[in-house]
PDB file of N, CA and C in Angstrom:
ATOM      1  N   MET A   1     -11.559  -8.858  14.250  1.00  0.00           N
ATOM      2  CA  MET A   1     -11.001  -7.764  15.033  1.00  0.00           C
ATOM      3  C   MET A   1      -9.687  -8.153  15.674  1.00  0.00           C
ATOM      4  N   PHE A   2      -9.649  -9.357  16.308  1.00  0.00           N
ATOM      5  CA  PHE A   2      -8.413  -9.771  16.970  1.00  0.00           C
ATOM      6  C   PHE A   2      -7.271  -9.861  15.977  1.00  0.00           C
ATOM      7  N   ARG A   3      -7.572 -10.403  14.754  1.00  0.00           N
ATOM      8  CA  ARG A   3      -6.509 -10.518  13.759  1.00  0.00           C
ATOM      9  C   ARG A   3      -5.930  -9.143  13.400  1.00  0.00           C
ATOM     10  N   VAL A   4      -6.743  -8.148  13.201  1.00  0.00           N
ATOM     11  CA  VAL A   4      -6.266  -6.816  12.885  1.00  0.00           C
ATOM     12  C   VAL A   4      -5.413  -6.250  13.978  1.00  0.00           C
ATOM     13  N   LEU A   5      -5.780  -6.450  15.247  1.00  0.00           N
ATOM     14  CA  LEU A   5      -5.066  -5.899  16.374  1.00  0.00           C
ATOM     15  C   LEU A   5      -3.713  -6.571  16.533  1.00  0.00           C
ATOM     16  N   THR A   6      -3.530  -7.778  16.030  1.00  0.00           N
ATOM     17  CA  THR A   6      -2.227  -8.441  16.132  1.00  0.00           C
ATOM     18  C   THR A   6      -1.312  -8.189  14.973  1.00  0.00           C
ATOM     19  N   LEU A   7      -1.779  -7.524  13.936  1.00  0.00           N
ATOM     20  CA  LEU A   7      -0.951  -7.193  12.824  1.00  0.00           C
ATOM     21  C   LEU A   7      -0.022  -6.013  13.147  1.00  0.00           C
ATOM     22  N   PRO A   8       1.171  -5.980  12.514  1.00  0.00           N
ATOM     23  CA  PRO A   8       2.078  -4.841  12.752  1.00  0.00           C
ATOM     24  C   PRO A   8       1.522  -3.563  12.123  1.00  0.00           C
ATOM     25  N   GLY A   9       1.952  -2.438  12.672  1.00  0.00           N
ATOM     26  CA  GLY A   9       1.595  -1.130  12.161  1.00  0.00           C
ATOM     27  C   GLY A   9       2.699  -0.669  11.230  1.00  0.00           C
ATOM     28  N   SER A  10       2.468   0.415  10.567  1.00  0.00           N
ATOM     29  CA  SER A  10       3.482   1.008   9.752  1.00  0.00           C
ATOM     30  C   SER A  10       4.587   1.591  10.594  1.00  0.00           C
ATOM     31  N   PRO A  11       5.789   1.726  10.063  1.00  0.00           N
ATOM     32  CA  PRO A  11       6.894   2.331  10.840  1.00  0.00           C
ATOM     33  C   PRO A  11       6.547   3.686  11.413  1.00  0.00           C
ATOM     34  N   ARG A  12       5.758   4.454  10.719  1.00  0.00           N
ATOM     35  CA  ARG A  12       5.360   5.796  11.207  1.00  0.00           C
ATOM     36  C   ARG A  12       4.118   5.749  12.040  1.00  0.00           C
ATOM     37  N   GLU A  13       3.462   4.583  12.148  1.00  0.00           N
ATOM     38  CA  GLU A  13       2.283   4.316  12.927  1.00  0.00           C
ATOM     39  C   GLU A  13       0.991   4.948  12.355  1.00  0.00           C
ATOM     40  N   THR A  14       1.133   6.020  11.563  1.00  0.00           N
ATOM     41  CA  THR A  14      -0.063   6.619  10.973  1.00  0.00           C
ATOM     42  C   THR A  14       0.225   6.865   9.472  1.00  0.00           C
ATOM     43  N   ALA A  15      -0.875   7.129   8.779  1.00  0.00           N
ATOM     44  CA  ALA A  15      -0.802   7.454   7.349  1.00  0.00           C
ATOM     45  C   ALA A  15      -1.750   8.593   7.087  1.00  0.00           C
ATOM     46  N   LEU A  16      -1.377   9.455   6.148  1.00  0.00           N
ATOM     47  CA  LEU A  16      -2.200  10.583   5.764  1.00  0.00           C
ATOM     48  C   LEU A  16      -3.200  10.174   4.667  1.00  0.00           C
ATOM     49  N   VAL A  17      -4.449  10.605   4.810  1.00  0.00           N
ATOM     50  CA  VAL A  17      -5.462  10.303   3.808  1.00  0.00           C
ATOM     51  C   VAL A  17      -5.455  11.430   2.779  1.00  0.00           C
ATOM     52  N   TYR A  18      -5.150  11.064   1.505  1.00  0.00           N
ATOM     53  CA  TYR A  18      -5.116  12.066   0.438  1.00  0.00           C
ATOM     54  C   TYR A  18      -6.413  12.093  -0.320  1.00  0.00           C
ATOM     55  N   ARG A  19      -6.785  13.237  -0.778  1.00  0.00           N
ATOM     56  CA  ARG A  19      -7.990  13.430  -1.589  1.00  0.00           C
ATOM     57  C   ARG A  19      -7.883  12.614  -2.903  1.00  0.00           C
ATOM     58  N   ASN A  20      -8.924  11.877  -3.240  1.00  0.00           N
ATOM     59  CA  ASN A  20      -9.061  11.102  -4.459  1.00  0.00           C
ATOM     60  C   ASN A  20      -8.030   9.960  -4.569  1.00  0.00           C
ATOM     61  N   HIS A  21      -7.150   9.754  -3.602  1.00  0.00           N
ATOM     62  CA  HIS A  21      -6.157   8.711  -3.701  1.00  0.00           C
ATOM     63  C   HIS A  21      -6.251   7.764  -2.529  1.00  0.00           C
ATOM     64  N   GLY A  22      -6.643   8.216  -1.400  1.00  0.00           N
ATOM     65  CA  GLY A  22      -6.684   7.391  -0.194  1.00  0.00           C
ATOM     66  C   GLY A  22      -5.353   7.440   0.519  1.00  0.00           C
ATOM     67  N   ILE A  23      -4.790   6.279   0.817  1.00  0.00           N
ATOM     68  CA  ILE A  23      -3.574   6.145   1.591  1.00  0.00           C
ATOM     69  C   ILE A  23      -2.488   5.569   0.743  1.00  0.00           C
ATOM     70  N   GLN A  24      -1.298   6.106   0.845  1.00  0.00           N
ATOM     71  CA  GLN A  24      -0.108   5.518   0.173  1.00  0.00           C
ATOM     72  C   GLN A  24       0.750   4.791   1.184  1.00  0.00           C
ATOM     73  N   PHE A  25       1.061   3.548   0.852  1.00  0.00           N
ATOM     74  CA  PHE A  25       1.891   2.729   1.728  1.00  0.00           C
ATOM     75  C   PHE A  25       2.759   1.821   0.840  1.00  0.00           C
ATOM     76  N   HIS A  26       4.043   1.878   0.960  1.00  0.00           N
ATOM     77  CA  HIS A  26       4.964   1.105   0.138  1.00  0.00           C
ATOM     78  C   HIS A  26       4.681   1.300  -1.341  1.00  0.00           C
ATOM     79  N   TYR A  27       4.608   2.520  -1.762  1.00  0.00           N
ATOM     80  CA  TYR A  27       4.393   2.932  -3.196  1.00  0.00           C
ATOM     81  C   TYR A  27       3.019   2.575  -3.714  1.00  0.00           C
ATOM     82  N   LEU A  28       2.168   1.974  -2.911  1.00  0.00           N
ATOM     83  CA  LEU A  28       0.849   1.544  -3.366  1.00  0.00           C
ATOM     84  C   LEU A  28      -0.250   2.437  -2.766  1.00  0.00           C
ATOM     85  N   LEU A  29      -1.287   2.643  -3.547  1.00  0.00           N
ATOM     86  CA  LEU A  29      -2.422   3.438  -3.103  1.00  0.00           C
ATOM     87  C   LEU A  29      -3.556   2.544  -2.679  1.00  0.00           C
ATOM     88  N   TYR A  30      -4.144   2.806  -1.526  1.00  0.00           N
ATOM     89  CA  TYR A  30      -5.234   2.027  -0.961  1.00  0.00           C
ATOM     90  C   TYR A  30      -6.456   2.899  -0.785  1.00  0.00           C
ATOM     91  N   TRP A  31      -7.642   2.299  -0.958  1.00  0.00           N
ATOM     92  CA  TRP A  31      -8.863   3.040  -0.912  1.00  0.00           C
ATOM     93  C   TRP A  31      -9.914   2.272  -0.193  1.00  0.00           C
ATOM     94  N   ASN A  32     -10.801   3.015   0.519  1.00  0.00           N
ATOM     95  CA  ASN A  32     -12.044   2.510   1.074  1.00  0.00           C
ATOM     96  C   ASN A  32     -13.045   3.634   0.933  1.00  0.00           C
ATOM     97  N   ASP A  33     -14.285   3.323   0.736  1.00  0.00           N
ATOM     98  CA  ASP A  33     -15.301   4.370   0.521  1.00  0.00           C
ATOM     99  C   ASP A  33     -15.499   5.288   1.746  1.00  0.00           C
ATOM    100  N   VAL A  34     -15.056   4.872   2.904  1.00  0.00           N
ATOM    101  CA  VAL A  34     -15.182   5.687   4.115  1.00  0.00           C
ATOM    102  C   VAL A  34     -14.324   6.958   3.951  1.00  0.00           C
ATOM    103  N   PHE A  35     -13.292   6.944   3.089  1.00  0.00           N
ATOM    104  CA  PHE A  35     -12.518   8.123   2.850  1.00  0.00           C
ATOM    105  C   PHE A  35     -13.261   9.266   2.186  1.00  0.00           C
ATOM    106  N   ALA A  36     -14.403   8.931   1.632  1.00  0.00           N
ATOM    107  CA  ALA A  36     -15.219   9.974   0.981  1.00  0.00           C
ATOM    108  C   ALA A  36     -16.065  10.735   2.011  1.00  0.00           C
ATOM    109  N   SER A  37     -16.040  10.278   3.241  1.00  0.00           N
ATOM    110  CA  SER A  37     -16.780  10.950   4.300  1.00  0.00           C
ATOM    111  C   SER A  37     -16.206  12.320   4.609  1.00  0.00           C
ATOM    112  N   PRO A  38     -17.043  13.289   4.954  1.00  0.00           N
ATOM    113  CA  PRO A  38     -16.505  14.580   5.318  1.00  0.00           C
ATOM    114  C   PRO A  38     -15.569  14.537   6.477  1.00  0.00           C
ATOM    115  N   GLY A  39     -14.512  15.278   6.448  1.00  0.00           N
ATOM    116  CA  GLY A  39     -13.578  15.371   7.556  1.00  0.00           C
ATOM    117  C   GLY A  39     -12.476  14.348   7.583  1.00  0.00           C
ATOM    118  N   ILE A  40     -12.476  13.430   6.688  1.00  0.00           N
ATOM    119  CA  ILE A  40     -11.416  12.356   6.691  1.00  0.00           C
ATOM    120  C   ILE A  40     -10.202  12.795   5.880  1.00  0.00           C
ATOM    121  N   ILE A  41     -10.422  13.436   4.735  1.00  0.00           N
ATOM    122  CA  ILE A  41      -9.322  13.895   3.883  1.00  0.00           C
ATOM    123  C   ILE A  41      -8.383  14.818   4.690  1.00  0.00           C
ATOM    124  N   GLY A  42      -7.091  14.497   4.594  1.00  0.00           N
ATOM    125  CA  GLY A  42      -6.103  15.334   5.276  1.00  0.00           C
ATOM    126  C   GLY A  42      -5.826  14.932   6.709  1.00  0.00           C
ATOM    127  N   THR A  43      -6.525  13.909   7.224  1.00  0.00           N
ATOM    128  CA  THR A  43      -6.248  13.467   8.568  1.00  0.00           C
ATOM    129  C   THR A  43      -5.257  12.291   8.515  1.00  0.00           C
ATOM    130  N   LYS A  44      -4.621  12.072   9.690  1.00  0.00           N
ATOM    131  CA  LYS A  44      -3.760  10.902   9.840  1.00  0.00           C
ATOM    132  C   LYS A  44      -4.502   9.791  10.583  1.00  0.00           C
ATOM    133  N   VAL A  45      -4.412   8.606  10.030  1.00  0.00           N
ATOM    134  CA  VAL A  45      -5.096   7.460  10.615  1.00  0.00           C
ATOM    135  C   VAL A  45      -4.127   6.341  11.005  1.00  0.00           C
ATOM    136  N   LYS A  46      -4.463   5.596  11.986  1.00  0.00           N
ATOM    137  CA  LYS A  46      -3.607   4.430  12.365  1.00  0.00           C
ATOM    138  C   LYS A  46      -3.697   3.403  11.255  1.00  0.00           C
ATOM    139  N   LEU A  47      -2.601   2.695  11.028  1.00  0.00           N
ATOM    140  CA  LEU A  47      -2.560   1.739   9.889  1.00  0.00           C
ATOM    141  C   LEU A  47      -1.932   0.461  10.386  1.00  0.00           C
ATOM    142  N   ARG A  48      -2.511  -0.671   9.936  1.00  0.00           N
ATOM    143  CA  ARG A  48      -1.974  -2.017  10.207  1.00  0.00           C
ATOM    144  C   ARG A  48      -2.013  -2.781   8.891  1.00  0.00           C
ATOM    145  N   PHE A  49      -1.043  -3.697   8.730  1.00  0.00           N
ATOM    146  CA  PHE A  49      -0.957  -4.478   7.480  1.00  0.00           C
ATOM    147  C   PHE A  49      -0.509  -5.892   7.779  1.00  0.00           C
ATOM    148  N   ASP A  50      -0.805  -6.801   6.869  1.00  0.00           N
ATOM    149  CA  ASP A  50      -0.348  -8.176   6.947  1.00  0.00           C
ATOM    150  C   ASP A  50       0.969  -8.256   6.179  1.00  0.00           C
ATOM    151  N   PRO A  51       2.131  -8.519   6.853  1.00  0.00           N
ATOM    152  CA  PRO A  51       3.385  -8.530   6.125  1.00  0.00           C
ATOM    153  C   PRO A  51       3.506  -9.664   5.120  1.00  0.00           C
ATOM    154  N   PHE A  52       2.616 -10.627   5.146  1.00  0.00           N
ATOM    155  CA  PHE A  52       2.700 -11.740   4.218  1.00  0.00           C
ATOM    156  C   PHE A  52       1.709 -11.580   3.021  1.00  0.00           C
ATOM    157  N   ASP A  53       0.865 -10.572   3.050  1.00  0.00           N
ATOM    158  CA  ASP A  53      -0.026 -10.233   1.964  1.00  0.00           C
ATOM    159  C   ASP A  53      -0.260  -8.744   1.973  1.00  0.00           C
ATOM    160  N   ILE A  54       0.388  -8.026   1.090  1.00  0.00           N
ATOM    161  CA  ILE A  54       0.362  -6.562   1.137  1.00  0.00           C
ATOM    162  C   ILE A  54      -0.864  -5.964   0.436  1.00  0.00           C
ATOM    163  N   SER A  55      -1.731  -6.773  -0.165  1.00  0.00           N
ATOM    164  CA  SER A  55      -2.811  -6.255  -0.950  1.00  0.00           C
ATOM    165  C   SER A  55      -3.877  -5.550  -0.086  1.00  0.00           C
ATOM    166  N   PRO A  56      -4.245  -6.064   1.115  1.00  0.00           N
ATOM    167  CA  PRO A  56      -5.125  -5.204   1.926  1.00  0.00           C
ATOM    168  C   PRO A  56      -4.356  -4.555   3.095  1.00  0.00           C
ATOM    169  N   ILE A  57      -4.766  -3.395   3.536  1.00  0.00           N
ATOM    170  CA  ILE A  57      -4.357  -2.814   4.763  1.00  0.00           C
ATOM    171  C   ILE A  57      -5.538  -2.445   5.570  1.00  0.00           C
ATOM    172  N   TYR A  58      -5.359  -2.147   6.839  1.00  0.00           N
ATOM    173  CA  TYR A  58      -6.447  -1.823   7.734  1.00  0.00           C
ATOM    174  C   TYR A  58      -6.176  -0.461   8.388  1.00  0.00           C
ATOM    175  N   VAL A  59      -7.136   0.426   8.384  1.00  0.00           N
ATOM    176  CA  VAL A  59      -6.983   1.718   8.979  1.00  0.00           C
ATOM    177  C   VAL A  59      -8.094   1.977  10.006  1.00  0.00           C
ATOM    178  N   TYR A  60      -7.778   2.749  11.017  1.00  0.00           N
ATOM    179  CA  TYR A  60      -8.706   3.036  12.102  1.00  0.00           C
ATOM    180  C   TYR A  60      -9.400   4.337  11.816  1.00  0.00           C
ATOM    181  N   VAL A  61     -10.669   4.268  11.406  1.00  0.00           N
ATOM    182  CA  VAL A  61     -11.461   5.458  11.060  1.00  0.00           C
ATOM    183  C   VAL A  61     -12.816   5.376  11.722  1.00  0.00           C
ATOM    184  N   HIS A  62     -13.263   6.499  12.297  1.00  0.00           N
ATOM    185  CA  HIS A  62     -14.561   6.527  12.977  1.00  0.00           C
ATOM    186  C   HIS A  62     -14.726   5.482  14.042  1.00  0.00           C
ATOM    187  N   ASN A  63     -13.706   5.273  14.802  1.00  0.00           N
ATOM    188  CA  ASN A  63     -13.662   4.355  15.962  1.00  0.00           C
ATOM    189  C   ASN A  63     -13.800   2.875  15.620  1.00  0.00           C
ATOM    190  N   HIS A  64     -13.420   2.460  14.390  1.00  0.00           N
ATOM    191  CA  HIS A  64     -13.373   1.051  14.064  1.00  0.00           C
ATOM    192  C   HIS A  64     -12.369   0.846  12.902  1.00  0.00           C
ATOM    193  N   TRP A  65     -11.906  -0.382  12.781  1.00  0.00           N
ATOM    194  CA  TRP A  65     -10.959  -0.762  11.724  1.00  0.00           C
ATOM    195  C   TRP A  65     -11.667  -1.071  10.441  1.00  0.00           C
ATOM    196  N   VAL A  66     -11.213  -0.515   9.316  1.00  0.00           N
ATOM    197  CA  VAL A  66     -11.793  -0.789   8.001  1.00  0.00           C
ATOM    198  C   VAL A  66     -10.697  -1.299   7.064  1.00  0.00           C
ATOM    199  N   GLU A  67     -11.083  -2.168   6.199  1.00  0.00           N
ATOM    200  CA  GLU A  67     -10.132  -2.761   5.237  1.00  0.00           C
ATOM    201  C   GLU A  67     -10.044  -1.867   3.986  1.00  0.00           C
ATOM    202  N   CYS A  68      -8.813  -1.621   3.578  1.00  0.00           N
ATOM    203  CA  CYS A  68      -8.581  -0.845   2.378  1.00  0.00           C
ATOM    204  C   CYS A  68      -7.817  -1.791   1.389  1.00  0.00           C
ATOM    205  N   ILE A  69      -8.150  -1.691   0.116  1.00  0.00           N
ATOM    206  CA  ILE A  69      -7.459  -2.531  -0.861  1.00  0.00           C
ATOM    207  C   ILE A  69      -6.772  -1.628  -1.880  1.00  0.00           C
ATOM    208  N   THR A  70      -5.747  -2.206  -2.556  1.00  0.00           N
ATOM    209  CA  THR A  70      -5.055  -1.469  -3.623  1.00  0.00           C
ATOM    210  C   THR A  70      -6.066  -1.198  -4.725  1.00  0.00           C
ATOM    211  N   SER A  71      -5.897  -0.079  -5.346  1.00  0.00           N
ATOM    212  CA  SER A  71      -6.890   0.412  -6.310  1.00  0.00           C
ATOM    213  C   SER A  71      -7.118  -0.528  -7.502  1.00  0.00           C
ATOM    214  N   SER A  72      -6.217  -0.577  -8.457  1.00  0.00           N
ATOM    215  CA  SER A  72      -6.493  -1.288  -9.655  1.00  0.00           C
ATOM    216  C   SER A  72      -5.624  -2.532  -9.890  1.00  0.00           C
ATOM    217  N   TYR A  73      -4.758  -2.808  -9.008  1.00  0.00           N
ATOM    218  CA  TYR A  73      -3.805  -3.939  -9.216  1.00  0.00           C
ATOM    219  C   TYR A  73      -3.917  -4.949  -8.070  1.00  0.00           C
ATOM    220  N   TYR A  74      -5.087  -5.063  -7.506  1.00  0.00           N
ATOM    221  CA  TYR A  74      -5.303  -6.001  -6.376  1.00  0.00           C
ATOM    222  C   TYR A  74      -4.986  -7.417  -6.803  1.00  0.00           C
ATOM    223  N   GLY A  75      -5.489  -7.839  -7.949  1.00  0.00           N
ATOM    224  CA  GLY A  75      -5.234  -9.218  -8.397  1.00  0.00           C
ATOM    225  C   GLY A  75      -3.777  -9.558  -8.600  1.00  0.00           C
ATOM    226  N   GLN A  76      -2.999  -8.601  -9.128  1.00  0.00           N
ATOM    227  CA  GLN A  76      -1.608  -8.865  -9.420  1.00  0.00           C
ATOM    228  C   GLN A  76      -0.766  -8.780  -8.101  1.00  0.00           C
ATOM    229  N   LEU A  77      -1.190  -8.006  -7.107  1.00  0.00           N
ATOM    230  CA  LEU A  77      -0.422  -7.847  -5.918  1.00  0.00           C
ATOM    231  C   LEU A  77      -0.877  -8.756  -4.759  1.00  0.00           C
ATOM    232  N   HIS A  78      -2.064  -9.348  -4.907  1.00  0.00           N
ATOM    233  CA  HIS A  78      -2.590 -10.241  -3.872  1.00  0.00           C
ATOM    234  C   HIS A  78      -1.602 -11.402  -3.614  1.00  0.00           C
ATOM    235  N   GLY A  79      -1.298 -11.627  -2.367  1.00  0.00           N
ATOM    236  CA  GLY A  79      -0.414 -12.734  -2.010  1.00  0.00           C
ATOM    237  C   GLY A  79       1.067 -12.399  -1.969  1.00  0.00           C
ATOM    238  N   HIS A  80       1.437 -11.196  -2.369  1.00  0.00           N
ATOM    239  CA  HIS A  80       2.829 -10.802  -2.298  1.00  0.00           C
ATOM    240  C   HIS A  80       3.079 -10.197  -0.939  1.00  0.00           C
ATOM    241  N   SER A  81       4.235 -10.515  -0.397  1.00  0.00           N
ATOM    242  CA  SER A  81       4.587 -10.056   0.957  1.00  0.00           C
ATOM    243  C   SER A  81       5.230  -8.658   0.921  1.00  0.00           C
ATOM    244  N   GLU A  82       5.287  -8.068   2.106  1.00  0.00           N
ATOM    245  CA  GLU A  82       5.948  -6.783   2.229  1.00  0.00           C
ATOM    246  C   GLU A  82       7.395  -6.865   1.770  1.00  0.00           C
ATOM    247  N   ARG A  83       8.079  -7.951   2.120  1.00  0.00           N
ATOM    248  CA  ARG A  83       9.479  -8.166   1.743  1.00  0.00           C
ATOM    249  C   ARG A  83       9.628  -8.162   0.219  1.00  0.00           C
ATOM    250  N   GLU A  84       8.734  -8.848  -0.478  1.00  0.00           N
ATOM    251  CA  GLU A  84       8.742  -8.894  -1.958  1.00  0.00           C
ATOM    252  C   GLU A  84       8.611  -7.483  -2.518  1.00  0.00           C
ATOM    253  N   ILE A  85       7.647  -6.719  -2.007  1.00  0.00           N
ATOM    254  CA  ILE A  85       7.442  -5.366  -2.484  1.00  0.00           C
ATOM    255  C   ILE A  85       8.680  -4.487  -2.229  1.00  0.00           C
ATOM    256  N   MET A  86       9.275  -4.669  -1.058  1.00  0.00           N
ATOM    257  CA  MET A  86      10.474  -3.888  -0.750  1.00  0.00           C
ATOM    258  C   MET A  86      11.636  -4.214  -1.691  1.00  0.00           C
ATOM    259  N   LEU A  87      11.814  -5.535  -1.940  1.00  0.00           N
ATOM    260  CA  LEU A  87      12.914  -5.926  -2.831  1.00  0.00           C
ATOM    261  C   LEU A  87      12.618  -5.544  -4.263  1.00  0.00           C
ATOM    262  N   ALA A  88      11.366  -5.610  -4.722  1.00  0.00           N
ATOM    263  CA  ALA A  88      11.035  -5.199  -6.081  1.00  0.00           C
ATOM    264  C   ALA A  88      11.216  -3.699  -6.239  1.00  0.00           C
ATOM    265  N   SER A  89      10.816  -2.926  -5.234  1.00  0.00           N
ATOM    266  CA  SER A  89      10.956  -1.476  -5.355  1.00  0.00           C
ATOM    267  C   SER A  89      12.445  -1.058  -5.315  1.00  0.00           C
ATOM    268  N   ALA A  90      13.268  -1.763  -4.552  1.00  0.00           N
ATOM    269  CA  ALA A  90      14.723  -1.506  -4.499  1.00  0.00           C
ATOM    270  C   ALA A  90      15.341  -1.817  -5.859  1.00  0.00           C
ATOM    271  N   GLU A  91      14.885  -2.888  -6.498  1.00  0.00           N
ATOM    272  CA  GLU A  91      15.421  -3.211  -7.825  1.00  0.00           C
ATOM    273  C   GLU A  91      14.995  -2.142  -8.884  1.00  0.00           C
ATOM    274  N   LEU A  92      13.761  -1.728  -8.763  1.00  0.00           N
ATOM    275  CA  LEU A  92      13.234  -0.676  -9.742  1.00  0.00           C
ATOM    276  C   LEU A  92      14.046   0.639  -9.511  1.00  0.00           C
ATOM    277  N   ARG A  93      14.302   0.989  -8.268  1.00  0.00           N
ATOM    278  CA  ARG A  93      15.082   2.185  -7.977  1.00  0.00           C
ATOM    279  C   ARG A  93      16.494   2.054  -8.600  1.00  0.00           C
ATOM    280  N   GLU A  94      17.070   0.851  -8.450  1.00  0.00           N
ATOM    281  CA  GLU A  94      18.430   0.637  -9.049  1.00  0.00           C
ATOM    282  C   GLU A  94      18.378   0.732 -10.551  1.00  0.00           C
ATOM    283  N   GLN A  95      17.350   0.176 -11.172  1.00  0.00           N
ATOM    284  CA  GLN A  95      17.192   0.315 -12.625  1.00  0.00           C
ATOM    285  C   GLN A  95      17.092   1.741 -13.042  1.00  0.00           C
ATOM    286  N   ASN A  96      16.360   2.547 -12.261  1.00  0.00           N
ATOM    287  CA  ASN A  96      16.244   4.015 -12.541  1.00  0.00           C
ATOM    288  C   ASN A  96      17.603   4.651 -12.450  1.00  0.00           C
ATOM    289  N   ARG A  97      18.373   4.290 -11.436  1.00  0.00           N
ATOM    290  CA  ARG A  97      19.670   4.901 -11.203  1.00  0.00           C
ATOM    291  C   ARG A  97      20.650   4.534 -12.363  1.00  0.00           C
ATOM    292  N   GLU A  98      20.613   3.302 -12.795  1.00  0.00           N
ATOM    293  CA  GLU A  98      21.501   2.856 -13.880  1.00  0.00           C
ATOM    294  C   GLU A  98      21.136   3.436 -15.212  1.00  0.00           C
ATOM    295  N   SER A  99      19.864   3.614 -15.500  1.00  0.00           N
ATOM    296  CA  SER A  99      19.433   4.138 -16.813  1.00  0.00           C
ATOM    297  C   SER A  99      19.295   5.655 -16.792  1.00  0.00           C
ATOM    298  N   HIS A 100      19.487   6.305 -15.659  1.00  0.00           N
ATOM    299  CA  HIS A 100      19.395   7.773 -15.516  1.00  0.00           C
ATOM    300  C   HIS A 100      17.984   8.253 -15.959  1.00  0.00           C
ATOM    301  N   VAL A 101      17.009   7.388 -15.857  1.00  0.00           N
ATOM    302  CA  VAL A 101      15.633   7.759 -16.174  1.00  0.00           C
ATOM    303  C   VAL A 101      14.854   7.822 -14.851  1.00  0.00           C
ATOM    304  N   ARG A 102      14.123   8.880 -14.642  1.00  0.00           N
ATOM    305  CA  ARG A 102      13.402   9.040 -13.398  1.00  0.00           C
ATOM    306  C   ARG A 102      11.902   8.636 -13.570  1.00  0.00           C
ATOM    307  N   THR A 103      11.663   7.339 -13.707  1.00  0.00           N
ATOM    308  CA  THR A 103      10.338   6.815 -13.836  1.00  0.00           C
ATOM    309  C   THR A 103       9.843   6.528 -12.452  1.00  0.00           C
ATOM    310  N   PRO A 104       8.707   7.110 -12.026  1.00  0.00           N
ATOM    311  CA  PRO A 104       8.213   6.870 -10.675  1.00  0.00           C
ATOM    312  C   PRO A 104       7.828   5.417 -10.418  1.00  0.00           C
ATOM    313  N   ILE A 105       8.039   4.966  -9.201  1.00  0.00           N
ATOM    314  CA  ILE A 105       7.631   3.617  -8.846  1.00  0.00           C
ATOM    315  C   ILE A 105       6.186   3.720  -8.361  1.00  0.00           C
ATOM    316  N   ASP A 106       5.325   2.909  -9.010  1.00  0.00           N
ATOM    317  CA  ASP A 106       3.907   2.878  -8.643  1.00  0.00           C
ATOM    318  C   ASP A 106       3.426   1.460  -8.687  1.00  0.00           C
ATOM    319  N   ALA A 107       2.123   1.294  -8.464  1.00  0.00           N
ATOM    320  CA  ALA A 107       1.538  -0.053  -8.405  1.00  0.00           C
ATOM    321  C   ALA A 107       1.667  -0.746  -9.732  1.00  0.00           C
ATOM    322  N   LYS A 108       1.490  -0.065 -10.858  1.00  0.00           N
ATOM    323  CA  LYS A 108       1.597  -0.688 -12.157  1.00  0.00           C
ATOM    324  C   LYS A 108       3.012  -1.246 -12.383  1.00  0.00           C
ATOM    325  N   ARG A 109       4.047  -0.432 -12.113  1.00  0.00           N
ATOM    326  CA  ARG A 109       5.390  -0.887 -12.295  1.00  0.00           C
ATOM    327  C   ARG A 109       5.735  -2.078 -11.378  1.00  0.00           C
ATOM    328  N   LEU A 110       5.274  -2.024 -10.142  1.00  0.00           N
ATOM    329  CA  LEU A 110       5.546  -3.126  -9.219  1.00  0.00           C
ATOM    330  C   LEU A 110       4.839  -4.397  -9.665  1.00  0.00           C
ATOM    331  N   ALA A 111       3.570  -4.271 -10.078  1.00  0.00           N
ATOM    332  CA  ALA A 111       2.808  -5.436 -10.535  1.00  0.00           C
ATOM    333  C   ALA A 111       3.449  -6.016 -11.765  1.00  0.00           C
ATOM    334  N   ASP A 112       3.907  -5.200 -12.713  1.00  0.00           N
ATOM    335  CA  ASP A 112       4.533  -5.662 -13.951  1.00  0.00           C
ATOM    336  C   ASP A 112       5.861  -6.354 -13.625  1.00  0.00           C
ATOM    337  N   PHE A 113       6.625  -5.776 -12.722  1.00  0.00           N
ATOM    338  CA  PHE A 113       7.916  -6.308 -12.342  1.00  0.00           C
ATOM    339  C   PHE A 113       7.756  -7.671 -11.689  1.00  0.00           C
ATOM    340  N   LEU A 114       6.798  -7.773 -10.727  1.00  0.00           N
ATOM    341  CA  LEU A 114       6.567  -9.006 -10.048  1.00  0.00           C
ATOM    342  C   LEU A 114       6.073 -10.101 -11.006  1.00  0.00           C
ATOM    343  N   ALA A 115       5.214  -9.743 -11.977  1.00  0.00           N
ATOM    344  CA  ALA A 115       4.725 -10.704 -12.954  1.00  0.00           C
ATOM    345  C   ALA A 115       5.856 -11.191 -13.819  1.00  0.00           C
ATOM    346  N   LYS A 116       6.804 -10.269 -14.179  1.00  0.00           N
ATOM    347  CA  LYS A 116       7.912 -10.641 -15.013  1.00  0.00           C
ATOM    348  C   LYS A 116       8.853 -11.646 -14.284  1.00  0.00           C
ATOM    349  N   ILE A 117       9.006 -11.393 -13.029  1.00  0.00           N
ATOM    350  CA  ILE A 117       9.890 -12.306 -12.172  1.00  0.00           C
ATOM    351  C   ILE A 117       9.232 -13.655 -12.041  1.00  0.00           C
ATOM    352  N   GLU A 118       7.924 -13.708 -11.858  1.00  0.00           N
ATOM    353  CA  GLU A 118       7.213 -14.997 -11.712  1.00  0.00           C
ATOM    354  C   GLU A 118       7.223 -15.797 -13.015  1.00  0.00           C
ATOM    355  N   ALA A 119       7.272 -15.108 -14.148  1.00  0.00           N
ATOM    356  CA  ALA A 119       7.210 -15.837 -15.445  1.00  0.00           C
ATOM    357  C   ALA A 119       8.511 -16.502 -15.776  1.00  0.00           C
TER     358      ALA A 119
END
């Protein structure tokens, strides 16, 4: 609990819970089964994250903090910092601009791009 309270929050301080997707933060979707509870969809929740590992985030739901993880690319994104995600997404946006192709930035593209850089 202490660790979560010392983590930074998102710049907007809250995040909207989307139906069937959970929370979107830095182009990534995060999920926890508590989002399936009635009354959670469409609400704004407090959000905290570890800037040195972007794979889990923590949200305040039902008077306690719960951990949410990225949906299907947890293994590829685990251990990457917020700064790495921001730089990778900036590079992908630049590639979109140069090629005049509007391919959305999502977890798959970020994970593939980071894996390509590491290789």
